[in-house]
Amino acid sequence: MANEFNANWKGKVKYLWELLNGIVRLPAGLAFPATQVPSSDPNTLDDYEEFDITITMSAATPPTGVAYAQQGGKGVKIGRAVFFKGRCTLTNKGAGGVGAVYLVLGGAPNCANDSVGPTVNIGQVDLITLTAGYTQFNAGMSVNTANVNIGQSGSNVGSISIPWSALVNTSDFNISGHYFV
């Protein structure tokens, strides 16, 4: 009888001990519903999704006739945190674009108006002319959008936006980052 008890309860006692000590073991992963069921508890993980993004370049006055060699990427949302990586390469910058350049992450959730600043890394930028006195690129997310603002900075000068006129027909951006929703 004792051996029968041990065989039936050994795994269940171990599971109960793990559960009481904050360890949860799942045999086949953790599934989330297709539509998020939000929780007001900040310590509750209530969403996970993977998504494709389509990156487009735009400006304060959007151009027409823009064509791309590539413009995609991937993203993942875990709770409120969004992580993304993508590349956008032009084959034709079009006509009529005026003002600050920004990248639109189509298919990504909007960045929250949050005190935690979003981070965007520019891994590679090719074929863009910086303004005289500026030596490097920078980027940041616009709150309440999925837009990445592209800027330029240098020694003893503040950061300013890159104008559409600085792009050429083969301009290329390779970006990654994370932000909160």
N, C-alpha and C. Protein backbone atom coordinates (compact mmCIF):
# COMPACT_ATOMS: atom_id res chain seq x y z
N MET A 1 0.81 -1.19 0.00
CA MET A 1 0.00 0.00 0.00
C MET A 1 0.86 1.26 0.00
N ALA A 2 1.96 1.25 0.72
CA ALA A 2 2.83 2.42 0.80
C ALA A 2 3.42 2.74 -0.57
N ASN A 3 3.83 1.71 -1.32
CA ASN A 3 4.38 1.95 -2.66
C ASN A 3 3.35 2.54 -3.59
N GLU A 4 2.11 2.10 -3.48
CA GLU A 4 1.03 2.64 -4.30
C GLU A 4 0.80 4.13 -3.98
N PHE A 5 0.83 4.47 -2.67
CA PHE A 5 0.68 5.87 -2.26
C PHE A 5 1.81 6.72 -2.84
N ASN A 6 3.04 6.25 -2.71
CA ASN A 6 4.19 7.00 -3.23
C ASN A 6 4.09 7.20 -4.73
N ALA A 7 3.70 6.17 -5.47
CA ALA A 7 3.61 6.28 -6.92
C ALA A 7 2.53 7.28 -7.33
N ASN A 8 1.41 7.33 -6.62
CA ASN A 8 0.31 8.22 -6.98
C ASN A 8 0.53 9.66 -6.53
N TRP A 9 1.22 9.87 -5.43
CA TRP A 9 1.32 11.20 -4.86
C TRP A 9 2.67 11.87 -5.02
N LYS A 10 3.68 11.14 -5.38
CA LYS A 10 5.02 11.71 -5.46
C LYS A 10 5.07 12.92 -6.40
N GLY A 11 4.57 12.78 -7.62
CA GLY A 11 4.56 13.89 -8.58
C GLY A 11 3.65 15.01 -8.14
N LYS A 12 2.52 14.70 -7.55
CA LYS A 12 1.56 15.73 -7.13
C LYS A 12 2.10 16.55 -5.97
N VAL A 13 2.79 15.93 -5.04
CA VAL A 13 3.38 16.67 -3.92
C VAL A 13 4.48 17.60 -4.44
N LYS A 14 5.31 17.11 -5.36
CA LYS A 14 6.36 17.94 -5.94
C LYS A 14 5.73 19.14 -6.66
N TYR A 15 4.68 18.92 -7.45
CA TYR A 15 3.99 20.00 -8.15
C TYR A 15 3.43 21.02 -7.16
N LEU A 16 2.79 20.55 -6.10
CA LEU A 16 2.23 21.45 -5.09
C LEU A 16 3.33 22.27 -4.43
N TRP A 17 4.47 21.64 -4.13
CA TRP A 17 5.60 22.35 -3.53
C TRP A 17 6.10 23.44 -4.48
N GLU A 18 6.24 23.11 -5.78
CA GLU A 18 6.71 24.09 -6.76
C GLU A 18 5.72 25.23 -6.89
N LEU A 19 4.43 24.93 -6.92
CA LEU A 19 3.41 25.95 -7.04
C LEU A 19 3.45 26.90 -5.85
N LEU A 20 3.59 26.38 -4.66
CA LEU A 20 3.66 27.21 -3.45
C LEU A 20 4.92 28.05 -3.41
N ASN A 21 5.97 27.65 -4.10
CA ASN A 21 7.23 28.40 -4.12
C ASN A 21 7.38 29.25 -5.38
N GLY A 22 6.30 29.47 -6.10
CA GLY A 22 6.33 30.37 -7.26
C GLY A 22 6.87 29.77 -8.53
N ILE A 23 6.97 28.47 -8.62
CA ILE A 23 7.47 27.82 -9.83
C ILE A 23 6.29 27.17 -10.54
N VAL A 24 6.10 27.53 -11.79
CA VAL A 24 5.04 26.92 -12.58
C VAL A 24 5.69 26.22 -13.77
N ARG A 25 5.40 24.95 -13.94
CA ARG A 25 5.93 24.19 -15.07
C ARG A 25 4.77 23.84 -15.99
N LEU A 26 4.95 24.18 -17.27
CA LEU A 26 3.91 23.91 -18.26
C LEU A 26 4.42 22.91 -19.27
N PRO A 27 3.65 21.89 -19.58
CA PRO A 27 4.12 20.87 -20.51
C PRO A 27 4.18 21.34 -21.96
N ALA A 28 3.38 22.35 -22.36
CA ALA A 28 3.31 22.69 -23.78
C ALA A 28 3.29 24.20 -24.02
N GLY A 29 3.83 25.01 -23.14
CA GLY A 29 3.86 26.45 -23.34
C GLY A 29 2.64 27.13 -22.76
N LEU A 30 2.66 28.44 -22.80
CA LEU A 30 1.61 29.27 -22.24
C LEU A 30 0.88 29.96 -23.39
N ALA A 31 -0.40 29.76 -23.51
CA ALA A 31 -1.17 30.32 -24.63
C ALA A 31 -1.89 31.59 -24.18
N PHE A 32 -1.90 32.60 -25.06
CA PHE A 32 -2.63 33.84 -24.83
C PHE A 32 -3.73 33.94 -25.87
N PRO A 33 -4.86 34.56 -25.54
CA PRO A 33 -5.93 34.71 -26.54
C PRO A 33 -5.51 35.65 -27.67
N ALA A 34 -6.12 35.50 -28.83
CA ALA A 34 -5.80 36.35 -29.98
C ALA A 34 -6.07 37.82 -29.67
N THR A 35 -7.11 38.10 -28.91
CA THR A 35 -7.41 39.46 -28.48
C THR A 35 -7.05 39.58 -27.01
N GLN A 36 -6.22 40.58 -26.70
CA GLN A 36 -5.76 40.76 -25.33
C GLN A 36 -6.92 40.96 -24.36
N VAL A 37 -6.81 40.35 -23.20
CA VAL A 37 -7.75 40.58 -22.10
C VAL A 37 -6.95 41.34 -21.04
N PRO A 38 -7.02 42.69 -21.06
CA PRO A 38 -6.14 43.49 -20.21
C PRO A 38 -6.43 43.29 -18.72
N SER A 39 -5.37 43.37 -17.95
CA SER A 39 -5.46 43.29 -16.50
C SER A 39 -5.03 44.63 -15.92
N SER A 40 -5.68 45.07 -14.86
CA SER A 40 -5.29 46.31 -14.20
C SER A 40 -4.11 46.08 -13.25
N ASP A 41 -3.77 44.84 -13.00
CA ASP A 41 -2.65 44.51 -12.13
C ASP A 41 -1.35 44.59 -12.93
N PRO A 42 -0.43 45.51 -12.57
CA PRO A 42 0.82 45.64 -13.35
C PRO A 42 1.72 44.42 -13.25
N ASN A 43 1.45 43.51 -12.34
CA ASN A 43 2.27 42.31 -12.19
C ASN A 43 1.67 41.09 -12.89
N THR A 44 0.66 41.32 -13.70
CA THR A 44 0.03 40.23 -14.43
C THR A 44 0.43 40.31 -15.91
N LEU A 45 1.04 39.26 -16.42
CA LEU A 45 1.38 39.18 -17.84
C LEU A 45 0.11 38.81 -18.59
N ASP A 46 -0.41 39.77 -19.37
CA ASP A 46 -1.71 39.55 -20.00
C ASP A 46 -1.67 39.54 -21.53
N ASP A 47 -0.46 39.62 -22.12
CA ASP A 47 -0.42 39.62 -23.58
C ASP A 47 0.95 39.19 -24.08
N TYR A 48 0.93 38.46 -25.19
CA TYR A 48 2.13 38.10 -25.94
C TYR A 48 1.71 37.99 -27.39
N GLU A 49 2.42 38.66 -28.27
CA GLU A 49 2.14 38.50 -29.69
C GLU A 49 3.39 38.78 -30.50
N GLU A 50 3.50 38.09 -31.61
CA GLU A 50 4.56 38.33 -32.58
C GLU A 50 3.91 38.92 -33.81
N PHE A 51 4.59 39.85 -34.47
CA PHE A 51 3.98 40.50 -35.63
C PHE A 51 5.04 40.92 -36.64
N ASP A 52 4.59 41.06 -37.88
CA ASP A 52 5.42 41.61 -38.96
C ASP A 52 5.19 43.10 -39.02
N ILE A 53 6.22 43.85 -39.39
CA ILE A 53 6.05 45.29 -39.60
C ILE A 53 6.43 45.63 -41.04
N THR A 54 5.76 46.63 -41.56
CA THR A 54 6.08 47.20 -42.86
C THR A 54 6.56 48.62 -42.60
N ILE A 55 7.81 48.89 -42.94
CA ILE A 55 8.40 50.20 -42.66
C ILE A 55 8.27 51.07 -43.90
N THR A 56 7.72 52.26 -43.72
CA THR A 56 7.67 53.24 -44.80
C THR A 56 8.37 54.51 -44.34
N MET A 57 8.97 55.22 -45.28
CA MET A 57 9.60 56.51 -44.99
C MET A 57 8.61 57.60 -45.33
N SER A 58 8.56 58.61 -44.50
CA SER A 58 7.68 59.74 -44.77
C SER A 58 8.35 61.02 -44.30
N ALA A 59 7.64 62.13 -44.44
CA ALA A 59 8.16 63.44 -44.04
C ALA A 59 7.00 64.30 -43.57
N ALA A 60 7.34 65.46 -43.03
CA ALA A 60 6.31 66.39 -42.55
C ALA A 60 5.27 66.64 -43.66
N THR A 61 5.75 66.88 -44.89
CA THR A 61 4.89 66.89 -46.07
C THR A 61 5.24 65.61 -46.83
N PRO A 62 4.37 64.60 -46.81
CA PRO A 62 4.72 63.30 -47.39
C PRO A 62 4.99 63.37 -48.89
N PRO A 63 5.98 62.60 -49.35
CA PRO A 63 6.29 62.54 -50.78
C PRO A 63 5.32 61.60 -51.50
N THR A 64 5.32 61.67 -52.81
CA THR A 64 4.55 60.74 -53.63
C THR A 64 5.52 59.95 -54.49
N GLY A 65 5.13 58.75 -54.90
CA GLY A 65 5.93 57.95 -55.81
C GLY A 65 7.13 57.27 -55.18
N VAL A 66 7.13 57.08 -53.87
CA VAL A 66 8.25 56.41 -53.20
C VAL A 66 8.20 54.92 -53.51
N ALA A 67 9.38 54.33 -53.80
CA ALA A 67 9.46 52.89 -54.07
C ALA A 67 10.57 52.29 -53.19
N TYR A 68 10.39 51.02 -52.83
CA TYR A 68 11.28 50.37 -51.87
C TYR A 68 11.88 49.09 -52.42
N ALA A 69 13.15 48.82 -52.06
CA ALA A 69 13.78 47.52 -52.32
C ALA A 69 13.39 46.56 -51.21
N GLN A 70 13.35 47.07 -49.98
CA GLN A 70 12.87 46.29 -48.84
C GLN A 70 12.32 47.25 -47.79
N GLN A 71 11.37 46.75 -47.02
CA GLN A 71 10.74 47.64 -46.04
C GLN A 71 10.05 46.85 -44.93
N GLY A 72 10.69 45.80 -44.47
CA GLY A 72 10.03 44.96 -43.49
C GLY A 72 10.81 44.73 -42.23
N GLY A 73 10.16 44.04 -41.31
CA GLY A 73 10.80 43.69 -40.06
C GLY A 73 9.89 42.83 -39.22
N LYS A 74 10.33 42.56 -38.01
CA LYS A 74 9.61 41.71 -37.06
C LYS A 74 9.49 42.43 -35.73
N GLY A 75 8.46 42.05 -34.99
CA GLY A 75 8.29 42.60 -33.65
C GLY A 75 7.66 41.59 -32.73
N VAL A 76 7.80 41.85 -31.44
CA VAL A 76 7.15 41.03 -30.43
C VAL A 76 6.68 41.95 -29.30
N LYS A 77 5.49 41.68 -28.79
CA LYS A 77 4.92 42.43 -27.67
C LYS A 77 4.77 41.45 -26.52
N ILE A 78 5.38 41.78 -25.38
CA ILE A 78 5.29 40.98 -24.18
C ILE A 78 4.75 41.89 -23.08
N GLY A 79 3.51 41.68 -22.69
CA GLY A 79 2.89 42.61 -21.74
C GLY A 79 2.80 43.98 -22.38
N ARG A 80 3.38 45.00 -21.74
CA ARG A 80 3.39 46.36 -22.28
C ARG A 80 4.62 46.66 -23.11
N ALA A 81 5.62 45.77 -23.13
CA ALA A 81 6.89 46.02 -23.82
C ALA A 81 6.83 45.54 -25.27
N VAL A 82 7.28 46.40 -26.19
CA VAL A 82 7.34 46.08 -27.61
C VAL A 82 8.81 46.14 -28.05
N PHE A 83 9.26 45.10 -28.74
CA PHE A 83 10.61 45.03 -29.29
C PHE A 83 10.48 44.88 -30.80
N PHE A 84 11.33 45.57 -31.56
CA PHE A 84 11.23 45.48 -33.02
C PHE A 84 12.60 45.58 -33.67
N LYS A 85 12.68 45.09 -34.91
CA LYS A 85 13.87 45.18 -35.74
C LYS A 85 13.41 45.18 -37.19
N GLY A 86 14.01 46.05 -38.01
CA GLY A 86 13.62 46.08 -39.40
C GLY A 86 14.56 46.88 -40.26
N ARG A 87 14.29 46.84 -41.56
CA ARG A 87 15.12 47.55 -42.53
C ARG A 87 14.24 48.16 -43.60
N CYS A 88 14.61 49.36 -44.02
CA CYS A 88 13.88 50.08 -45.05
C CYS A 88 14.89 50.65 -46.05
N THR A 89 14.81 50.21 -47.30
CA THR A 89 15.73 50.65 -48.34
C THR A 89 14.93 51.19 -49.52
N LEU A 90 15.26 52.40 -49.93
CA LEU A 90 14.58 53.02 -51.07
C LEU A 90 15.18 52.58 -52.39
N THR A 91 14.34 52.59 -53.43
CA THR A 91 14.83 52.52 -54.81
C THR A 91 14.46 53.82 -55.53
N ASN A 92 13.51 54.57 -54.95
CA ASN A 92 13.12 55.87 -55.50
C ASN A 92 12.53 56.69 -54.36
N LYS A 93 13.11 57.86 -54.07
CA LYS A 93 12.61 58.66 -52.95
C LYS A 93 11.37 59.48 -53.31
N GLY A 94 10.93 59.38 -54.53
CA GLY A 94 9.70 60.06 -54.93
C GLY A 94 9.91 61.56 -55.08
N ALA A 95 8.80 62.28 -55.06
CA ALA A 95 8.84 63.73 -55.24
C ALA A 95 7.93 64.41 -54.22
N GLY A 96 8.27 65.63 -53.89
CA GLY A 96 7.39 66.45 -53.06
C GLY A 96 7.58 66.33 -51.57
N GLY A 97 8.50 65.48 -51.10
CA GLY A 97 8.72 65.34 -49.67
C GLY A 97 9.41 66.58 -49.11
N VAL A 98 8.86 67.13 -48.02
CA VAL A 98 9.43 68.33 -47.40
C VAL A 98 9.44 68.13 -45.89
N GLY A 99 10.51 68.56 -45.26
CA GLY A 99 10.56 68.55 -43.80
C GLY A 99 11.20 67.30 -43.23
N ALA A 100 10.96 67.08 -41.94
CA ALA A 100 11.62 66.03 -41.16
C ALA A 100 11.28 64.63 -41.65
N VAL A 101 12.32 63.79 -41.76
CA VAL A 101 12.16 62.39 -42.14
C VAL A 101 11.74 61.57 -40.93
N TYR A 102 10.80 60.66 -41.11
CA TYR A 102 10.48 59.68 -40.07
C TYR A 102 10.09 58.37 -40.73
N LEU A 103 10.25 57.29 -39.95
CA LEU A 103 9.89 55.95 -40.41
C LEU A 103 8.61 55.53 -39.71
N VAL A 104 7.67 54.99 -40.46
CA VAL A 104 6.41 54.51 -39.91
C VAL A 104 6.50 52.99 -39.79
N LEU A 105 6.29 52.48 -38.57
CA LEU A 105 6.33 51.04 -38.33
C LEU A 105 4.92 50.48 -38.46
N GLY A 106 4.48 50.24 -39.69
CA GLY A 106 3.15 49.72 -39.93
C GLY A 106 2.98 48.33 -39.35
N GLY A 107 1.90 48.12 -38.60
CA GLY A 107 1.63 46.84 -37.98
C GLY A 107 2.11 46.76 -36.54
N ALA A 108 2.83 47.77 -36.06
CA ALA A 108 3.31 47.78 -34.67
C ALA A 108 2.34 48.58 -33.80
N PRO A 109 2.21 48.21 -32.52
CA PRO A 109 1.35 49.00 -31.62
C PRO A 109 1.92 50.40 -31.42
N ASN A 110 1.05 51.37 -31.12
CA ASN A 110 1.51 52.73 -30.87
C ASN A 110 2.30 52.82 -29.57
N CYS A 111 3.30 53.69 -29.57
CA CYS A 111 4.11 53.97 -28.38
C CYS A 111 3.26 54.76 -27.40
N ALA A 112 3.34 54.43 -26.13
CA ALA A 112 2.55 55.13 -25.11
C ALA A 112 3.15 56.49 -24.77
N ASN A 113 2.32 57.37 -24.27
CA ASN A 113 2.79 58.63 -23.73
C ASN A 113 3.21 58.31 -22.30
N ASP A 114 4.45 57.87 -22.15
CA ASP A 114 4.92 57.26 -20.91
C ASP A 114 6.17 57.97 -20.43
N SER A 115 6.41 57.93 -19.14
CA SER A 115 7.61 58.54 -18.60
C SER A 115 8.85 57.71 -18.90
N VAL A 116 8.67 56.44 -19.29
CA VAL A 116 9.79 55.58 -19.67
C VAL A 116 10.08 55.82 -21.14
N GLY A 117 11.21 56.44 -21.44
CA GLY A 117 11.52 56.81 -22.82
C GLY A 117 11.78 55.62 -23.70
N PRO A 118 11.26 55.64 -24.93
CA PRO A 118 11.53 54.56 -25.88
C PRO A 118 12.97 54.62 -26.37
N THR A 119 13.51 53.48 -26.73
CA THR A 119 14.88 53.40 -27.23
C THR A 119 14.84 52.90 -28.67
N VAL A 120 15.55 53.60 -29.55
CA VAL A 120 15.67 53.18 -30.93
C VAL A 120 17.15 53.20 -31.28
N ASN A 121 17.64 52.11 -31.85
CA ASN A 121 19.03 52.03 -32.28
C ASN A 121 19.07 52.02 -33.80
N ILE A 122 19.98 52.80 -34.34
CA ILE A 122 20.19 52.78 -35.78
C ILE A 122 21.43 51.95 -36.03
N GLY A 123 21.24 50.76 -36.58
CA GLY A 123 22.36 49.87 -36.82
C GLY A 123 23.16 50.27 -38.04
N GLN A 124 22.49 50.82 -39.02
CA GLN A 124 23.16 51.18 -40.27
C GLN A 124 22.31 52.23 -40.98
N VAL A 125 22.97 53.25 -41.50
CA VAL A 125 22.32 54.23 -42.35
C VAL A 125 23.27 54.47 -43.52
N ASP A 126 22.76 54.34 -44.72
CA ASP A 126 23.59 54.55 -45.90
C ASP A 126 22.95 55.57 -46.83
N LEU A 127 23.80 56.33 -47.48
CA LEU A 127 23.43 57.23 -48.56
C LEU A 127 22.48 58.33 -48.13
N ILE A 128 22.86 59.01 -47.05
CA ILE A 128 22.13 60.18 -46.57
C ILE A 128 23.17 61.27 -46.30
N THR A 129 22.87 62.48 -46.72
CA THR A 129 23.79 63.59 -46.54
C THR A 129 23.42 64.34 -45.27
N LEU A 130 24.36 64.38 -44.31
CA LEU A 130 24.14 65.14 -43.08
C LEU A 130 24.39 66.63 -43.34
N THR A 131 23.71 67.45 -42.58
CA THR A 131 23.90 68.90 -42.64
C THR A 131 25.31 69.24 -42.17
N ALA A 132 25.92 70.26 -42.72
CA ALA A 132 27.27 70.68 -42.35
C ALA A 132 27.36 70.86 -40.83
N GLY A 133 28.41 70.32 -40.21
CA GLY A 133 28.61 70.40 -38.77
C GLY A 133 28.00 69.26 -37.99
N TYR A 134 27.22 68.42 -38.65
CA TYR A 134 26.59 67.27 -38.00
C TYR A 134 27.31 66.00 -38.43
N THR A 135 27.55 65.10 -37.48
CA THR A 135 28.41 63.95 -37.75
C THR A 135 27.78 62.59 -37.44
N GLN A 136 26.61 62.57 -36.82
CA GLN A 136 26.02 61.28 -36.45
C GLN A 136 24.50 61.32 -36.50
N PHE A 137 23.93 60.11 -36.57
CA PHE A 137 22.49 59.95 -36.62
C PHE A 137 21.95 59.64 -35.24
N ASN A 138 20.69 59.97 -35.01
CA ASN A 138 20.00 59.54 -33.79
C ASN A 138 18.54 59.27 -34.15
N ALA A 139 17.85 58.62 -33.26
CA ALA A 139 16.45 58.27 -33.54
C ALA A 139 15.68 58.20 -32.24
N GLY A 140 14.39 58.40 -32.32
CA GLY A 140 13.51 58.29 -31.16
C GLY A 140 12.08 58.09 -31.61
N MET A 141 11.28 57.53 -30.74
CA MET A 141 9.87 57.26 -31.05
C MET A 141 9.01 58.49 -30.72
N SER A 142 7.99 58.71 -31.52
CA SER A 142 6.96 59.71 -31.21
C SER A 142 5.91 59.04 -30.34
N VAL A 143 5.52 59.69 -29.24
CA VAL A 143 4.50 59.09 -28.38
C VAL A 143 3.16 59.05 -29.10
N ASN A 144 2.35 58.06 -28.74
CA ASN A 144 1.02 57.82 -29.30
C ASN A 144 1.04 57.51 -30.79
N THR A 145 2.19 57.09 -31.32
CA THR A 145 2.32 56.67 -32.72
C THR A 145 3.24 55.46 -32.78
N ALA A 146 3.46 54.93 -33.95
CA ALA A 146 4.50 53.93 -34.19
C ALA A 146 5.50 54.52 -35.17
N ASN A 147 5.84 55.79 -34.97
CA ASN A 147 6.76 56.51 -35.85
C ASN A 147 8.13 56.67 -35.20
N VAL A 148 9.19 56.47 -35.99
CA VAL A 148 10.56 56.66 -35.55
C VAL A 148 11.08 57.94 -36.19
N ASN A 149 11.40 58.94 -35.37
CA ASN A 149 11.97 60.19 -35.87
C ASN A 149 13.47 60.01 -36.07
N ILE A 150 13.97 60.44 -37.22
CA ILE A 150 15.39 60.33 -37.54
C ILE A 150 16.02 61.71 -37.42
N GLY A 151 17.09 61.80 -36.63
CA GLY A 151 17.75 63.08 -36.41
C GLY A 151 19.24 63.00 -36.69
N GLN A 152 19.88 64.13 -36.51
CA GLN A 152 21.33 64.24 -36.67
C GLN A 152 21.87 65.13 -35.57
N SER A 153 23.09 64.87 -35.15
CA SER A 153 23.72 65.67 -34.11
C SER A 153 25.22 65.71 -34.36
N GLY A 154 25.91 66.53 -33.59
CA GLY A 154 27.35 66.66 -33.74
C GLY A 154 27.94 67.39 -32.56
N SER A 155 29.24 67.67 -32.61
CA SER A 155 29.90 68.38 -31.53
C SER A 155 29.43 69.83 -31.49
N ASN A 156 29.06 70.28 -30.31
CA ASN A 156 28.67 71.68 -30.08
C ASN A 156 27.45 72.12 -30.88
N VAL A 157 26.63 71.18 -31.33
CA VAL A 157 25.37 71.53 -32.00
C VAL A 157 24.28 70.63 -31.44
N GLY A 158 23.10 71.14 -31.35
CA GLY A 158 21.98 70.34 -30.86
C GLY A 158 21.49 69.37 -31.92
N SER A 159 20.61 68.50 -31.52
CA SER A 159 20.03 67.53 -32.44
C SER A 159 18.93 68.19 -33.25
N ILE A 160 18.94 67.93 -34.55
CA ILE A 160 17.87 68.41 -35.44
C ILE A 160 17.40 67.26 -36.32
N SER A 161 16.25 67.42 -36.90
CA SER A 161 15.71 66.40 -37.80
C SER A 161 16.50 66.36 -39.10
N ILE A 162 16.50 65.20 -39.72
CA ILE A 162 17.08 65.07 -41.06
C ILE A 162 16.00 65.47 -42.06
N PRO A 163 16.28 66.41 -42.95
CA PRO A 163 15.27 66.81 -43.93
C PRO A 163 15.15 65.79 -45.06
N TRP A 164 13.96 65.71 -45.67
CA TRP A 164 13.73 64.79 -46.79
C TRP A 164 14.74 65.01 -47.90
N SER A 165 15.16 66.24 -48.09
CA SER A 165 16.12 66.56 -49.16
C SER A 165 17.47 65.86 -48.95
N ALA A 166 17.77 65.37 -47.73
CA ALA A 166 19.03 64.69 -47.46
C ALA A 166 19.04 63.25 -47.99
N LEU A 167 17.86 62.72 -48.30
CA LEU A 167 17.78 61.35 -48.82
C LEU A 167 18.14 61.30 -50.29
N VAL A 168 18.60 60.12 -50.72
CA VAL A 168 18.81 59.86 -52.14
C VAL A 168 17.93 58.67 -52.51
N ASN A 169 17.89 58.32 -53.77
CA ASN A 169 17.01 57.25 -54.24
C ASN A 169 17.32 55.89 -53.64
N THR A 170 18.50 55.70 -53.04
CA THR A 170 18.86 54.40 -52.47
C THR A 170 19.16 54.50 -50.97
N SER A 171 18.61 55.48 -50.28
CA SER A 171 18.83 55.62 -48.83
C SER A 171 18.37 54.36 -48.12
N ASP A 172 19.06 54.02 -47.02
CA ASP A 172 18.86 52.74 -46.36
C ASP A 172 18.94 52.92 -44.84
N PHE A 173 17.95 52.41 -44.11
CA PHE A 173 17.91 52.45 -42.64
C PHE A 173 17.77 51.04 -42.11
N ASN A 174 18.61 50.67 -41.15
CA ASN A 174 18.52 49.39 -40.44
C ASN A 174 18.34 49.75 -38.97
N ILE A 175 17.18 49.47 -38.39
CA ILE A 175 16.85 49.95 -37.05
C ILE A 175 16.37 48.82 -36.13
N SER A 176 16.48 49.05 -34.85
CA SER A 176 15.88 48.17 -33.84
C SER A 176 15.57 49.02 -32.63
N GLY A 177 14.72 48.51 -31.77
CA GLY A 177 14.40 49.28 -30.58
C GLY A 177 13.34 48.62 -29.72
N HIS A 178 12.98 49.34 -28.67
CA HIS A 178 11.91 48.88 -27.79
C HIS A 178 11.22 50.07 -27.16
N TYR A 179 9.97 49.86 -26.79
CA TYR A 179 9.18 50.91 -26.17
C TYR A 179 8.02 50.28 -25.42
N PHE A 180 7.28 51.08 -24.70
CA PHE A 180 6.13 50.59 -23.95
C PHE A 180 4.83 51.10 -24.55
N VAL A 181 3.78 50.30 -24.42
CA VAL A 181 2.45 50.71 -24.88
C VAL A 181 1.56 50.95 -23.69
